[in-house]
Amino acid sequence: MTSHDSALTGPALHGADRQRRGLERALIFGLVALVALGLFGLAQATGWAELRAQISRLGPAQIAALLALSLANYGLRALRWHGFARALGLKVTPGQSLVHFLGGFAFSVTPGRLGELVRMRWIGRETGWPAERTAPLALMDRAQDLAATAVILGLGLAFGWTGSALALPVVLLALLAAYVAVHPRLLHLAAGLGYRLTRRFARIFARLRRAARSLARFRRPGLVLGGLALGVIGWMAEAWAFHLLLTWLGAEIALWRAVSIFVFAMIAGGLTGAPGGIGGAEAAMLALLSLEGVPLEIAIPATAIIRVTTLWFAIGLGLAVMPLAERRAARART
């Protein structure tokens, strides 16, 4: 390649990157607007007076409790992240891990949550480890979330929830994905198959294949089971918050039914690949609440409020922490 070609290629690549980010932002804003319009339309059909009456049942103490349960989820999963980071051999402190983990939430509404991989960049700048060596950490984190939510949904089915015929297949699919993600040979094969089927994201699939070699560090039963326990307790905290919210709004629904609806909606939203599960999670939640006999004047505000106190609270927290993560990474690089 000539110097002239290089001069042309650089701006072209930057331009393509800006265009891609612009398209991603447009997709996110479009999905958020679509969900907001859908909820607005349902609210208008249900009646604003009824909705206001339901929302007025909540006071500052209840909202604080919902946010505290979300914080419990983030804190437990951040502790799990730190444990996996140390098992991988990273010399990071609990404070560093907390900043990395929470800061990554700022990018939760990127397609497939791929933006959360910014954590790898921060770790790389602070420790000198390339992304290929830290990628197994992100894989384990995602696999453990899948496994934890699948376990909770499986418990919901065991306790008698029959709200969706798709629940058992979703549990099995989530467990299969989690199993593949932590087994080097299967992950290597899955990455190769993924690229052959899509013919896209060659760099990501190549990194997955290289990362598969480092997964052996996470095969200790105590580490895996301990991480799974933290994930189950963390996600149960948010699911319990959903049950409390429904109760405070006047819905008569059993604990495990509410827990199952919340977790199923989270998994279903994630499986759509939409940023943050936007659209899919809300639709699943409303549909399943309706099947349980929860009236729309309760289901609509419950869905909106729980998404604000979980997904959007996490994003807000991530945006607040992200500048600190960037400053630390910048100082470590100089």
C-alpha atoms as a PDB file:
ATOM      1  CA  MET A   1       0.000   0.000   0.000  1.00  0.00           C
ATOM      2  CA  THR A   2       1.348   3.436  -0.931  1.00  0.00           C
ATOM      3  CA  SER A   3       1.488   6.402   1.414  1.00  0.00           C
ATOM      4  CA  HIS A   4      -1.226   8.002  -0.720  1.00  0.00           C
ATOM      5  CA  ASP A   5      -3.455   4.963  -0.203  1.00  0.00           C
ATOM      6  CA  SER A   6      -2.764   5.049   3.533  1.00  0.00           C
ATOM      7  CA  ALA A   7      -3.698   8.705   3.708  1.00  0.00           C
ATOM      8  CA  LEU A   8      -6.993   7.914   2.053  1.00  0.00           C
ATOM      9  CA  THR A   9      -7.696   4.773   4.062  1.00  0.00           C
ATOM     10  CA  GLY A  10      -7.305   6.379   7.507  1.00  0.00           C
ATOM     11  CA  PRO A  11      -9.994   9.075   7.055  1.00  0.00           C
ATOM     12  CA  ALA A  12     -12.206   6.562   5.271  1.00  0.00           C
ATOM     13  CA  LEU A  13     -12.006   4.153   8.202  1.00  0.00           C
ATOM     14  CA  HIS A  14     -12.699   6.934  10.696  1.00  0.00           C
ATOM     15  CA  GLY A  15     -15.640   8.052   8.591  1.00  0.00           C
ATOM     16  CA  ALA A  16     -17.035   4.508   8.472  1.00  0.00           C
ATOM     17  CA  ASP A  17     -16.617   4.204  12.234  1.00  0.00           C
ATOM     18  CA  ARG A  18     -18.469   7.476  12.806  1.00  0.00           C
ATOM     19  CA  GLN A  19     -21.212   6.340  10.454  1.00  0.00           C
ATOM     20  CA  ARG A  20     -21.547   3.037  12.319  1.00  0.00           C
ATOM     21  CA  ARG A  21     -21.773   4.805  15.689  1.00  0.00           C
ATOM     22  CA  GLY A  22     -24.347   7.165  14.240  1.00  0.00           C
ATOM     23  CA  LEU A  23     -26.452   4.252  13.018  1.00  0.00           C
ATOM     24  CA  GLU A  24     -26.196   2.559  16.420  1.00  0.00           C
ATOM     25  CA  ARG A  25     -27.318   5.737  18.196  1.00  0.00           C
ATOM     26  CA  ALA A  26     -30.205   6.134  15.760  1.00  0.00           C
ATOM     27  CA  LEU A  27     -31.229   2.515  16.407  1.00  0.00           C
ATOM     28  CA  ILE A  28     -31.133   3.014  20.173  1.00  0.00           C
ATOM     29  CA  PHE A  29     -33.109   6.269  20.069  1.00  0.00           C
ATOM     30  CA  GLY A  30     -35.580   4.695  17.656  1.00  0.00           C
ATOM     31  CA  LEU A  31     -36.145   1.690  19.934  1.00  0.00           C
ATOM     32  CA  VAL A  32     -36.541   3.885  23.013  1.00  0.00           C
ATOM     33  CA  ALA A  33     -39.003   6.118  21.161  1.00  0.00           C
ATOM     34  CA  LEU A  34     -40.937   3.098  19.890  1.00  0.00           C
ATOM     35  CA  VAL A  35     -41.234   1.605  23.377  1.00  0.00           C
ATOM     36  CA  ALA A  36     -42.218   4.987  24.840  1.00  0.00           C
ATOM     37  CA  LEU A  37     -44.881   5.465  22.170  1.00  0.00           C
ATOM     38  CA  GLY A  38     -46.204   1.955  22.783  1.00  0.00           C
ATOM     39  CA  LEU A  39     -46.464   2.518  26.528  1.00  0.00           C
ATOM     40  CA  PHE A  40     -47.999   5.950  25.924  1.00  0.00           C
ATOM     41  CA  GLY A  41     -50.633   4.439  23.633  1.00  0.00           C
ATOM     42  CA  LEU A  42     -51.496   1.724  26.150  1.00  0.00           C
ATOM     43  CA  ALA A  43     -51.633   4.268  28.952  1.00  0.00           C
ATOM     44  CA  GLN A  44     -53.967   6.492  26.947  1.00  0.00           C
ATOM     45  CA  ALA A  45     -56.247   3.559  26.179  1.00  0.00           C
ATOM     46  CA  THR A  46     -56.270   2.494  29.835  1.00  0.00           C
ATOM     47  CA  GLY A  47     -56.895   5.941  31.239  1.00  0.00           C
ATOM     48  CA  TRP A  48     -54.484   8.430  32.752  1.00  0.00           C
ATOM     49  CA  ALA A  49     -56.490   8.846  35.941  1.00  0.00           C
ATOM     50  CA  GLU A  50     -56.161   5.162  36.812  1.00  0.00           C
ATOM     51  CA  LEU A  51     -52.437   5.188  36.054  1.00  0.00           C
ATOM     52  CA  ARG A  52     -51.816   8.271  38.172  1.00  0.00           C
ATOM     53  CA  ALA A  53     -53.741   6.681  41.024  1.00  0.00           C
ATOM     54  CA  GLN A  54     -51.553   3.580  40.842  1.00  0.00           C
ATOM     55  CA  ILE A  55     -48.273   5.497  40.648  1.00  0.00           C
ATOM     56  CA  SER A  56     -49.325   7.705  43.591  1.00  0.00           C
ATOM     57  CA  ARG A  57     -49.192   4.590  45.770  1.00  0.00           C
ATOM     58  CA  LEU A  58     -45.395   4.770  45.615  1.00  0.00           C
ATOM     59  CA  GLY A  59     -43.496   7.042  47.951  1.00  0.00           C
ATOM     60  CA  PRO A  60     -39.806   7.973  48.202  1.00  0.00           C
ATOM     61  CA  ALA A  61     -39.166   5.040  50.544  1.00  0.00           C
ATOM     62  CA  GLN A  62     -40.485   2.521  48.017  1.00  0.00           C
ATOM     63  CA  ILE A  63     -38.460   4.013  45.160  1.00  0.00           C
ATOM     64  CA  ALA A  64     -35.358   3.998  47.382  1.00  0.00           C
ATOM     65  CA  ALA A  65     -35.974   0.319  48.183  1.00  0.00           C
ATOM     66  CA  LEU A  66     -36.210  -0.572  44.478  1.00  0.00           C
ATOM     67  CA  LEU A  67     -32.960   1.264  43.737  1.00  0.00           C
ATOM     68  CA  ALA A  68     -31.247  -0.333  46.748  1.00  0.00           C
ATOM     69  CA  LEU A  69     -32.134  -3.817  45.487  1.00  0.00           C
ATOM     70  CA  SER A  70     -30.724  -2.918  42.072  1.00  0.00           C
ATOM     71  CA  LEU A  71     -27.542  -1.708  43.776  1.00  0.00           C
ATOM     72  CA  ALA A  72     -27.341  -5.022  45.620  1.00  0.00           C
ATOM     73  CA  ASN A  73     -27.437  -6.790  42.261  1.00  0.00           C
ATOM     74  CA  TYR A  74     -24.681  -4.603  40.807  1.00  0.00           C
ATOM     75  CA  GLY A  75     -22.529  -4.940  43.916  1.00  0.00           C
ATOM     76  CA  LEU A  76     -22.711  -8.737  44.025  1.00  0.00           C
ATOM     77  CA  ARG A  77     -21.983  -9.047  40.323  1.00  0.00           C
ATOM     78  CA  ALA A  78     -19.070  -6.599  40.653  1.00  0.00           C
ATOM     79  CA  LEU A  79     -17.679  -8.817  43.430  1.00  0.00           C
ATOM     80  CA  ARG A  80     -17.997 -11.786  41.076  1.00  0.00           C
ATOM     81  CA  TRP A  81     -16.223  -9.789  38.339  1.00  0.00           C
ATOM     82  CA  HIS A  82     -13.328  -9.076  40.714  1.00  0.00           C
ATOM     83  CA  GLY A  83     -13.062 -12.721  41.685  1.00  0.00           C
ATOM     84  CA  PHE A  84     -12.862 -13.777  38.048  1.00  0.00           C
ATOM     85  CA  ALA A  85     -10.352 -11.021  37.279  1.00  0.00           C
ATOM     86  CA  ARG A  86      -8.059 -12.270  40.029  1.00  0.00           C
ATOM     87  CA  ALA A  87      -8.505 -15.880  38.880  1.00  0.00           C
ATOM     88  CA  LEU A  88      -7.396 -14.800  35.413  1.00  0.00           C
ATOM     89  CA  GLY A  89      -4.233 -13.376  36.940  1.00  0.00           C
ATOM     90  CA  LEU A  90      -5.033  -9.668  36.749  1.00  0.00           C
ATOM     91  CA  LYS A  91      -3.403  -7.544  39.465  1.00  0.00           C
ATOM     92  CA  VAL A  92      -6.401  -5.308  40.123  1.00  0.00           C
ATOM     93  CA  THR A  93      -7.857  -4.022  43.378  1.00  0.00           C
ATOM     94  CA  PRO A  94     -11.532  -4.354  44.379  1.00  0.00           C
ATOM     95  CA  GLY A  95     -11.890  -0.616  43.778  1.00  0.00           C
ATOM     96  CA  GLN A  96     -10.574  -0.925  40.233  1.00  0.00           C
ATOM     97  CA  SER A  97     -12.896  -3.808  39.488  1.00  0.00           C
ATOM     98  CA  LEU A  98     -15.876  -1.881  40.851  1.00  0.00           C
ATOM     99  CA  VAL A  99     -15.098   1.122  38.656  1.00  0.00           C
ATOM    100  CA  HIS A 100     -14.584  -1.064  35.582  1.00  0.00           C
ATOM    101  CA  PHE A 101     -17.774  -3.034  36.162  1.00  0.00           C
ATOM    102  CA  LEU A 102     -20.065  -0.100  36.946  1.00  0.00           C
ATOM    103  CA  GLY A 103     -18.564   2.124  34.244  1.00  0.00           C
ATOM    104  CA  GLY A 104     -19.342  -0.501  31.626  1.00  0.00           C
ATOM    105  CA  PHE A 105     -23.065  -0.049  32.312  1.00  0.00           C
ATOM    106  CA  ALA A 106     -22.875   3.248  30.431  1.00  0.00           C
ATOM    107  CA  PHE A 107     -22.807   1.153  27.247  1.00  0.00           C
ATOM    108  CA  SER A 108     -25.583  -1.306  28.114  1.00  0.00           C
ATOM    109  CA  VAL A 109     -27.796  -0.025  25.311  1.00  0.00           C
ATOM    110  CA  THR A 110     -25.381  -0.890  22.532  1.00  0.00           C
ATOM    111  CA  PRO A 111     -26.385  -3.766  20.200  1.00  0.00           C
ATOM    112  CA  GLY A 112     -25.776  -7.045  22.010  1.00  0.00           C
ATOM    113  CA  ARG A 113     -24.266  -4.953  24.854  1.00  0.00           C
ATOM    114  CA  LEU A 114     -20.968  -5.111  22.964  1.00  0.00           C
ATOM    115  CA  GLY A 115     -20.175  -1.590  24.171  1.00  0.00           C
ATOM    116  CA  GLU A 116     -19.611  -3.011  27.651  1.00  0.00           C
ATOM    117  CA  LEU A 117     -16.359  -4.451  26.289  1.00  0.00           C
ATOM    118  CA  VAL A 118     -14.918  -0.991  26.998  1.00  0.00           C
ATOM    119  CA  ARG A 119     -14.033  -2.590  30.340  1.00  0.00           C
ATOM    120  CA  MET A 120     -11.362  -4.557  28.491  1.00  0.00           C
ATOM    121  CA  ARG A 121      -9.829  -1.319  27.208  1.00  0.00           C
ATOM    122  CA  TRP A 122      -9.685   0.168  30.707  1.00  0.00           C
ATOM    123  CA  ILE A 123      -8.134  -3.004  32.106  1.00  0.00           C
ATOM    124  CA  GLY A 124      -5.671  -3.129  29.220  1.00  0.00           C
ATOM    125  CA  ARG A 125      -4.462   0.411  29.820  1.00  0.00           C
ATOM    126  CA  GLU A 126      -4.113  -0.106  33.572  1.00  0.00           C
ATOM    127  CA  THR A 127      -2.456  -3.533  33.465  1.00  0.00           C
ATOM    128  CA  GLY A 128      -0.888  -3.754  30.001  1.00  0.00           C
ATOM    129  CA  TRP A 129      -2.885  -6.878  29.139  1.00  0.00           C
ATOM    130  CA  PRO A 130      -4.197  -7.040  25.542  1.00  0.00           C
ATOM    131  CA  ALA A 131      -7.899  -7.591  24.903  1.00  0.00           C
ATOM    132  CA  GLU A 132      -7.262 -11.177  23.795  1.00  0.00           C
ATOM    133  CA  ARG A 133      -6.022 -12.059  27.300  1.00  0.00           C
ATOM    134  CA  THR A 134      -8.845 -10.313  29.171  1.00  0.00           C
ATOM    135  CA  ALA A 135     -11.692 -11.391  26.855  1.00  0.00           C
ATOM    136  CA  PRO A 136     -12.335 -14.583  28.902  1.00  0.00           C
ATOM    137  CA  LEU A 137     -13.332 -12.342  31.807  1.00  0.00           C
ATOM    138  CA  ALA A 138     -16.153 -10.811  29.756  1.00  0.00           C
ATOM    139  CA  LEU A 139     -17.171 -14.244  28.493  1.00  0.00           C
ATOM    140  CA  MET A 140     -17.402 -15.652  32.010  1.00  0.00           C
ATOM    141  CA  ASP A 141     -19.370 -12.659  33.226  1.00  0.00           C
ATOM    142  CA  ARG A 142     -21.941 -13.008  30.443  1.00  0.00           C
ATOM    143  CA  ALA A 143     -22.102 -16.799  30.810  1.00  0.00           C
ATOM    144  CA  GLN A 144     -22.645 -16.531  34.553  1.00  0.00           C
ATOM    145  CA  ASP A 145     -25.483 -14.033  34.059  1.00  0.00           C
ATOM    146  CA  LEU A 146     -27.130 -16.416  31.604  1.00  0.00           C
ATOM    147  CA  ALA A 147     -26.705 -19.355  33.957  1.00  0.00           C
ATOM    148  CA  ALA A 148     -27.952 -17.419  37.011  1.00  0.00           C
ATOM    149  CA  THR A 149     -31.110 -16.167  35.294  1.00  0.00           C
ATOM    150  CA  ALA A 150     -31.729 -19.644  33.853  1.00  0.00           C
ATOM    151  CA  VAL A 151     -31.454 -21.173  37.343  1.00  0.00           C
ATOM    152  CA  ILE A 152     -33.939 -18.645  38.742  1.00  0.00           C
ATOM    153  CA  LEU A 153     -36.384 -19.240  35.893  1.00  0.00           C
ATOM    154  CA  GLY A 154     -35.973 -22.995  36.360  1.00  0.00           C
ATOM    155  CA  LEU A 155     -36.855 -22.581  40.043  1.00  0.00           C
ATOM    156  CA  GLY A 156     -39.895 -20.588  38.995  1.00  0.00           C
ATOM    157  CA  LEU A 157     -41.025 -23.457  36.796  1.00  0.00           C
ATOM    158  CA  ALA A 158     -40.382 -25.896  39.642  1.00  0.00           C
ATOM    159  CA  PHE A 159     -42.585 -23.796  41.932  1.00  0.00           C
ATOM    160  CA  GLY A 160     -45.463 -24.003  39.482  1.00  0.00           C
ATOM    161  CA  TRP A 161     -45.195 -21.021  37.117  1.00  0.00           C
ATOM    162  CA  THR A 162     -46.772 -21.945  33.770  1.00  0.00           C
ATOM    163  CA  GLY A 163     -47.085 -18.489  32.255  1.00  0.00           C
ATOM    164  CA  SER A 164     -45.224 -19.239  29.023  1.00  0.00           C
ATOM    165  CA  ALA A 165     -44.731 -22.365  26.950  1.00  0.00           C
ATOM    166  CA  LEU A 166     -41.369 -20.869  25.922  1.00  0.00           C
ATOM    167  CA  ALA A 167     -40.018 -20.769  29.466  1.00  0.00           C
ATOM    168  CA  LEU A 168     -38.461 -24.241  29.466  1.00  0.00           C
ATOM    169  CA  PRO A 169     -36.832 -23.849  26.012  1.00  0.00           C
ATOM    170  CA  VAL A 170     -35.473 -20.457  27.114  1.00  0.00           C
ATOM    171  CA  VAL A 171     -33.992 -22.026  30.264  1.00  0.00           C
ATOM    172  CA  LEU A 172     -32.352 -24.779  28.222  1.00  0.00           C
ATOM    173  CA  LEU A 173     -31.055 -22.342  25.594  1.00  0.00           C
ATOM    174  CA  ALA A 174     -29.577 -20.022  28.231  1.00  0.00           C
ATOM    175  CA  LEU A 175     -27.891 -22.924  30.020  1.00  0.00           C
ATOM    176  CA  LEU A 176     -26.531 -24.249  26.717  1.00  0.00           C
ATOM    177  CA  ALA A 177     -25.118 -20.827  25.805  1.00  0.00           C
ATOM    178  CA  ALA A 178     -23.532 -20.530  29.252  1.00  0.00           C
ATOM    179  CA  TYR A 179     -22.058 -24.031  28.965  1.00  0.00           C
ATOM    180  CA  VAL A 180     -20.572 -23.345  25.531  1.00  0.00           C
ATOM    181  CA  ALA A 181     -19.105 -20.021  26.675  1.00  0.00           C
ATOM    182  CA  VAL A 182     -16.985 -21.637  29.379  1.00  0.00           C
ATOM    183  CA  HIS A 183     -15.757 -24.701  27.470  1.00  0.00           C
ATOM    184  CA  PRO A 184     -12.759 -23.885  25.265  1.00  0.00           C
ATOM    185  CA  ARG A 185     -13.297 -26.478  22.525  1.00  0.00           C
ATOM    186  CA  LEU A 186     -17.027 -25.776  22.192  1.00  0.00           C
ATOM    187  CA  LEU A 187     -16.469 -22.022  22.193  1.00  0.00           C
ATOM    188  CA  HIS A 188     -13.787 -22.346  19.523  1.00  0.00           C
ATOM    189  CA  LEU A 189     -16.167 -24.369  17.338  1.00  0.00           C
ATOM    190  CA  ALA A 190     -19.067 -21.986  18.014  1.00  0.00           C
ATOM    191  CA  ALA A 191     -16.964 -18.950  17.065  1.00  0.00           C
ATOM    192  CA  GLY A 192     -15.927 -20.571  13.800  1.00  0.00           C
ATOM    193  CA  LEU A 193     -19.519 -21.560  13.022  1.00  0.00           C
ATOM    194  CA  GLY A 194     -20.756 -18.078  13.901  1.00  0.00           C
ATOM    195  CA  TYR A 195     -18.382 -16.475  11.428  1.00  0.00           C
ATOM    196  CA  ARG A 196     -19.225 -18.953   8.660  1.00  0.00           C
ATOM    197  CA  LEU A 197     -22.941 -18.281   9.124  1.00  0.00           C
ATOM    198  CA  THR A 198     -22.726 -14.491   9.307  1.00  0.00           C
ATOM    199  CA  ARG A 199     -19.539 -13.632   7.390  1.00  0.00           C
ATOM    200  CA  ARG A 200     -19.362 -10.582   9.648  1.00  0.00           C
ATOM    201  CA  PHE A 201     -17.504  -9.519  12.808  1.00  0.00           C
ATOM    202  CA  ALA A 202     -14.379 -11.428  11.777  1.00  0.00           C
ATOM    203  CA  ARG A 203     -12.246  -9.659  14.392  1.00  0.00           C
ATOM    204  CA  ILE A 204     -14.665 -10.468  17.228  1.00  0.00           C
ATOM    205  CA  PHE A 205     -14.930 -14.150  16.260  1.00  0.00           C
ATOM    206  CA  ALA A 206     -11.145 -14.379  15.943  1.00  0.00           C
ATOM    207  CA  ARG A 207     -10.733 -12.934  19.438  1.00  0.00           C
ATOM    208  CA  LEU A 208     -13.284 -15.412  20.763  1.00  0.00           C
ATOM    209  CA  ARG A 209     -11.234 -18.292  19.367  1.00  0.00           C
ATOM    210  CA  ARG A 210      -8.061 -16.925  20.942  1.00  0.00           C
ATOM    211  CA  ALA A 211      -9.839 -16.227  24.234  1.00  0.00           C
ATOM    212  CA  ALA A 212     -11.072 -19.812  24.411  1.00  0.00           C
ATOM    213  CA  ARG A 213      -7.554 -20.952  25.268  1.00  0.00           C
ATOM    214  CA  SER A 214      -7.578 -18.979  28.534  1.00  0.00           C
ATOM    215  CA  LEU A 215     -10.869 -20.322  29.868  1.00  0.00           C
ATOM    216  CA  ALA A 216      -9.176 -23.180  31.730  1.00  0.00           C
ATOM    217  CA  ARG A 217      -8.343 -20.734  34.525  1.00  0.00           C
ATOM    218  CA  PHE A 218     -12.051 -20.562  35.398  1.00  0.00           C
ATOM    219  CA  ARG A 219     -12.744 -24.296  35.602  1.00  0.00           C
ATOM    220  CA  ARG A 220     -12.358 -24.591  39.384  1.00  0.00           C
ATOM    221  CA  PRO A 221     -15.721 -25.777  40.811  1.00  0.00           C
ATOM    222  CA  GLY A 222     -15.510 -23.454  43.808  1.00  0.00           C
ATOM    223  CA  LEU A 223     -14.968 -20.416  41.609  1.00  0.00           C
ATOM    224  CA  VAL A 224     -17.767 -21.319  39.193  1.00  0.00           C
ATOM    225  CA  LEU A 225     -20.295 -22.213  41.890  1.00  0.00           C
ATOM    226  CA  GLY A 226     -19.382 -19.182  43.985  1.00  0.00           C
ATOM    227  CA  GLY A 227     -19.837 -16.893  40.999  1.00  0.00           C
ATOM    228  CA  LEU A 228     -23.136 -18.564  40.154  1.00  0.00           C
ATOM    229  CA  ALA A 229     -24.382 -18.079  43.730  1.00  0.00           C
ATOM    230  CA  LEU A 230     -23.524 -14.371  43.629  1.00  0.00           C
ATOM    231  CA  GLY A 231     -25.316 -14.034  40.295  1.00  0.00           C
ATOM    232  CA  VAL A 232     -28.436 -15.851  41.490  1.00  0.00           C
ATOM    233  CA  ILE A 233     -28.677 -13.739  44.653  1.00  0.00           C
ATOM    234  CA  GLY A 234     -28.031 -10.541  42.680  1.00  0.00           C
ATOM    235  CA  TRP A 235     -30.658 -11.185  40.022  1.00  0.00           C
ATOM    236  CA  MET A 236     -33.110 -12.411  42.673  1.00  0.00           C
ATOM    237  CA  ALA A 237     -32.766  -9.031  44.378  1.00  0.00           C
ATOM    238  CA  GLU A 238     -34.046  -7.263  41.249  1.00  0.00           C
ATOM    239  CA  ALA A 239     -36.741  -9.899  40.681  1.00  0.00           C
ATOM    240  CA  TRP A 240     -37.900  -9.471  44.278  1.00  0.00           C
ATOM    241  CA  ALA A 241     -38.024  -5.714  43.683  1.00  0.00           C
ATOM    242  CA  PHE A 242     -40.437  -6.397  40.803  1.00  0.00           C
ATOM    243  CA  HIS A 243     -42.666  -8.443  43.113  1.00  0.00           C
ATOM    244  CA  LEU A 244     -42.601  -5.698  45.749  1.00  0.00           C
ATOM    245  CA  LEU A 245     -43.473  -3.103  43.114  1.00  0.00           C
ATOM    246  CA  LEU A 246     -46.449  -5.106  41.870  1.00  0.00           C
ATOM    247  CA  THR A 247     -47.646  -5.591  45.452  1.00  0.00           C
ATOM    248  CA  TRP A 248     -47.341  -1.887  46.231  1.00  0.00           C
ATOM    249  CA  LEU A 249     -49.330  -1.072  43.085  1.00  0.00           C
ATOM    250  CA  GLY A 250     -52.145  -3.377  44.211  1.00  0.00           C
ATOM    251  CA  ALA A 251     -51.539  -6.524  42.155  1.00  0.00           C
ATOM    252  CA  GLU A 252     -52.212  -9.876  43.788  1.00  0.00           C
ATOM    253  CA  ILE A 253     -49.463 -12.083  42.405  1.00  0.00           C
ATOM    254  CA  ALA A 254     -47.366 -14.807  44.010  1.00  0.00           C
ATOM    255  CA  LEU A 255     -43.652 -14.214  44.542  1.00  0.00           C
ATOM    256  CA  TRP A 256     -42.373 -16.887  42.152  1.00  0.00           C
ATOM    257  CA  ARG A 257     -44.801 -15.835  39.428  1.00  0.00           C
ATOM    258  CA  ALA A 258     -43.513 -12.261  39.578  1.00  0.00           C
ATOM    259  CA  VAL A 259     -39.903 -13.462  39.765  1.00  0.00           C
ATOM    260  CA  SER A 260     -40.390 -15.731  36.748  1.00  0.00           C
ATOM    261  CA  ILE A 261     -42.031 -13.008  34.675  1.00  0.00           C
ATOM    262  CA  PHE A 262     -39.213 -10.571  35.420  1.00  0.00           C
ATOM    263  CA  VAL A 263     -36.419 -13.039  34.635  1.00  0.00           C
ATOM    264  CA  PHE A 264     -38.125 -14.429  31.532  1.00  0.00           C
ATOM    265  CA  ALA A 265     -38.580 -10.883  30.208  1.00  0.00           C
ATOM    266  CA  MET A 266     -34.898 -10.103  30.828  1.00  0.00           C
ATOM    267  CA  ILE A 267     -33.728 -13.250  29.033  1.00  0.00           C
ATOM    268  CA  ALA A 268     -36.195 -12.799  26.169  1.00  0.00           C
ATOM    269  CA  GLY A 269     -35.137  -9.174  25.722  1.00  0.00           C
ATOM    270  CA  GLY A 270     -31.478 -10.188  25.707  1.00  0.00           C
ATOM    271  CA  LEU A 271     -32.031 -12.946  23.157  1.00  0.00           C
ATOM    272  CA  THR A 272     -33.497 -10.437  20.692  1.00  0.00           C
ATOM    273  CA  GLY A 273     -30.061  -8.779  20.497  1.00  0.00           C
ATOM    274  CA  ALA A 274     -31.706  -5.362  20.843  1.00  0.00           C
ATOM    275  CA  PRO A 275     -29.749  -2.755  22.846  1.00  0.00           C
ATOM    276  CA  GLY A 276     -30.469  -3.427  26.511  1.00  0.00           C
ATOM    277  CA  GLY A 277     -33.280  -5.774  25.455  1.00  0.00           C
ATOM    278  CA  ILE A 278     -35.342  -2.648  24.762  1.00  0.00           C
ATOM    279  CA  GLY A 279     -38.713  -3.500  23.305  1.00  0.00           C
ATOM    280  CA  GLY A 280     -38.536  -7.259  23.774  1.00  0.00           C
ATOM    281  CA  ALA A 281     -38.306  -7.159  27.565  1.00  0.00           C
ATOM    282  CA  GLU A 282     -41.152  -4.664  27.936  1.00  0.00           C
ATOM    283  CA  ALA A 283     -43.403  -6.539  25.518  1.00  0.00           C
ATOM    284  CA  ALA A 284     -42.773  -9.872  27.253  1.00  0.00           C
ATOM    285  CA  MET A 285     -43.380  -8.353  30.677  1.00  0.00           C
ATOM    286  CA  LEU A 286     -46.688  -6.752  29.698  1.00  0.00           C
ATOM    287  CA  ALA A 287     -47.911  -9.884  27.920  1.00  0.00           C
ATOM    288  CA  LEU A 288     -47.071 -12.196  30.817  1.00  0.00           C
ATOM    289  CA  LEU A 289     -48.566  -9.873  33.420  1.00  0.00           C
ATOM    290  CA  SER A 290     -51.765  -9.768  31.385  1.00  0.00           C
ATOM    291  CA  LEU A 291     -51.833 -13.582  31.258  1.00  0.00           C
ATOM    292  CA  GLU A 292     -51.576 -13.580  35.057  1.00  0.00           C
ATOM    293  CA  GLY A 293     -54.633 -11.344  35.260  1.00  0.00           C
ATOM    294  CA  VAL A 294     -52.800  -8.160  36.237  1.00  0.00           C
ATOM    295  CA  PRO A 295     -54.819  -5.219  34.857  1.00  0.00           C
ATOM    296  CA  LEU A 296     -53.149  -2.847  32.407  1.00  0.00           C
ATOM    297  CA  GLU A 297     -53.452   0.095  34.796  1.00  0.00           C
ATOM    298  CA  ILE A 298     -51.004  -1.791  37.042  1.00  0.00           C
ATOM    299  CA  ALA A 299     -48.955  -3.669  34.417  1.00  0.00           C
ATOM    300  CA  ILE A 300     -48.032  -0.544  32.432  1.00  0.00           C
ATOM    301  CA  PRO A 301     -46.594   1.554  35.299  1.00  0.00           C
ATOM    302  CA  ALA A 302     -44.994  -1.552  36.848  1.00  0.00           C
ATOM    303  CA  THR A 303     -43.177  -2.306  33.582  1.00  0.00           C
ATOM    304  CA  ALA A 304     -42.060   1.295  33.098  1.00  0.00           C
ATOM    305  CA  ILE A 305     -40.925   1.778  36.706  1.00  0.00           C
ATOM    306  CA  ILE A 306     -38.984  -1.501  36.982  1.00  0.00           C
ATOM    307  CA  ARG A 307     -37.140  -0.747  33.746  1.00  0.00           C
ATOM    308  CA  VAL A 308     -36.229   2.717  35.038  1.00  0.00           C
ATOM    309  CA  THR A 309     -35.006   1.354  38.379  1.00  0.00           C
ATOM    310  CA  THR A 310     -32.989  -1.469  36.769  1.00  0.00           C
ATOM    311  CA  LEU A 311     -31.787  -0.833  33.203  1.00  0.00           C
ATOM    312  CA  TRP A 312     -31.870   2.966  33.160  1.00  0.00           C
ATOM    313  CA  PHE A 313     -30.595   3.284  36.723  1.00  0.00           C
ATOM    314  CA  ALA A 314     -27.631   1.099  35.736  1.00  0.00           C
ATOM    315  CA  ILE A 315     -26.968   3.270  32.671  1.00  0.00           C
ATOM    316  CA  GLY A 316     -27.124   6.433  34.769  1.00  0.00           C
ATOM    317  CA  LEU A 317     -24.743   4.931  37.297  1.00  0.00           C
ATOM    318  CA  GLY A 318     -22.425   3.875  34.470  1.00  0.00           C
ATOM    319  CA  LEU A 319     -22.419   7.361  32.983  1.00  0.00           C
ATOM    320  CA  ALA A 320     -21.511   8.784  36.407  1.00  0.00           C
ATOM    321  CA  VAL A 321     -18.627   6.318  36.926  1.00  0.00           C
ATOM    322  CA  MET A 322     -17.315   6.222  33.340  1.00  0.00           C
ATOM    323  CA  PRO A 323     -15.331   9.519  33.552  1.00  0.00           C
ATOM    324  CA  LEU A 324     -13.459   8.145  36.576  1.00  0.00           C
ATOM    325  CA  ALA A 325     -12.628   4.963  34.662  1.00  0.00           C
ATOM    326  CA  GLU A 326     -11.424   7.024  31.688  1.00  0.00           C
ATOM    327  CA  ARG A 327      -9.232   9.251  33.866  1.00  0.00           C
ATOM    328  CA  ARG A 328      -7.651   6.253  35.596  1.00  0.00           C
ATOM    329  CA  ALA A 329      -6.991   4.555  32.269  1.00  0.00           C
ATOM    330  CA  ALA A 330      -5.514   7.748  30.813  1.00  0.00           C
ATOM    331  CA  ARG A 331      -3.178   8.222  33.822  1.00  0.00           C
ATOM    332  CA  ALA A 332      -2.021   4.609  33.610  1.00  0.00           C
ATOM    333  CA  ARG A 333      -1.249   4.990  29.919  1.00  0.00           C
ATOM    334  CA  THR A 334       1.003   8.034  30.347  1.00  0.00           C
END
